[in-house]
Amino acid sequence: MLKFAIFFLVVSMLAGAMGFMNISAVARRISFVLFGIFLALAGLVLLFFILLDKATSQGALLMLPGVLV
């Protein structure tokens, strides 16, 4: 998704340099939306791994004594 956001950003910059302002605006908006979706998904994955780490580290304390894993 980040790859497509960068692609549309480059298309927007090239279209703007050549004077195609409508194409540049559409490509820029698509780039911003894709980058926003990427950031939201990256944040959710980070939150998931933080919660998973907390759950597994607390679960290690509940192991039965004398049982080696």
Protein backbone atom coordinates (compact mmCIF):
# COMPACT_ATOMS: atom_id res chain seq x y z
CA MET A 1 0.00 0.00 0.00
CA LEU A 2 2.87 2.34 0.76
CA LYS A 3 4.31 1.49 -2.65
CA PHE A 4 1.11 2.66 -4.36
CA ALA A 5 1.01 5.83 -2.26
CA ILE A 6 4.55 6.69 -3.34
CA PHE A 7 3.69 5.86 -6.96
CA PHE A 8 0.69 8.21 -6.95
CA LEU A 9 2.79 10.91 -5.26
CA VAL A 10 5.36 10.68 -8.06
CA VAL A 11 2.57 10.75 -10.68
CA SER A 12 1.14 13.83 -8.98
CA MET A 13 4.48 15.60 -9.00
CA LEU A 14 5.15 14.78 -12.64
CA ALA A 15 1.65 15.81 -13.71
CA GLY A 16 1.99 19.06 -11.79
CA ALA A 17 5.34 19.78 -13.40
CA MET A 18 3.83 19.27 -16.85
CA GLY A 19 0.83 21.49 -16.07
CA PHE A 20 -1.89 18.87 -15.71
CA MET A 21 -3.34 20.29 -12.49
CA ASN A 22 -6.53 18.18 -12.44
CA ILE A 23 -4.60 14.92 -12.79
CA SER A 24 -2.10 16.14 -10.22
CA ALA A 25 -4.83 16.93 -7.68
CA VAL A 26 -6.53 13.55 -8.12
CA ALA A 27 -3.26 11.64 -7.85
CA ARG A 28 -2.28 13.66 -4.77
CA ARG A 29 -5.59 12.91 -3.08
CA ILE A 30 -5.27 9.19 -3.85
CA SER A 31 -1.73 9.27 -2.47
CA PHE A 32 -2.88 10.92 0.78
CA VAL A 33 -5.72 8.44 1.24
CA LEU A 34 -3.49 5.43 0.65
CA PHE A 35 -0.84 6.80 3.00
CA GLY A 36 -3.48 7.42 5.67
CA ILE A 37 -4.77 3.86 5.33
CA PHE A 38 -1.19 2.60 5.56
CA LEU A 39 -0.56 4.58 8.76
CA ALA A 40 -3.82 3.36 10.32
CA LEU A 41 -3.03 -0.28 9.53
CA ALA A 42 0.55 0.08 10.77
CA GLY A 43 -0.76 1.57 14.02
CA LEU A 44 -3.24 -1.28 14.47
CA VAL A 45 -0.53 -3.88 13.88
CA LEU A 46 1.76 -2.14 16.36
CA LEU A 47 -1.03 -2.00 18.95
CA PHE A 48 -1.81 -5.67 18.36
CA PHE A 49 1.81 -6.69 18.94
CA ILE A 50 2.09 -4.55 22.07
CA LEU A 51 -1.05 -6.17 23.49
CA LEU A 52 0.18 -9.62 22.45
CA ASP A 53 3.50 -9.02 24.19
CA LYS A 54 1.76 -7.94 27.39
CA ALA A 55 -0.57 -10.95 27.29
CA THR A 56 2.23 -13.46 26.77
CA SER A 57 4.56 -11.94 29.36
CA GLN A 58 1.82 -12.02 32.00
CA GLY A 59 0.82 -15.53 31.00
CA ALA A 60 4.36 -16.73 31.69
CA LEU A 61 3.86 -15.92 35.37
CA LEU A 62 0.90 -18.31 35.57
CA MET A 63 2.90 -21.41 34.66
CA LEU A 64 2.84 -24.28 37.13
CA PRO A 65 5.83 -24.49 39.45
CA GLY A 66 8.17 -27.34 38.74
CA VAL A 67 7.15 -27.62 35.08
CA LEU A 68 9.99 -26.82 32.71
CA VAL A 69 9.09 -25.63 29.26
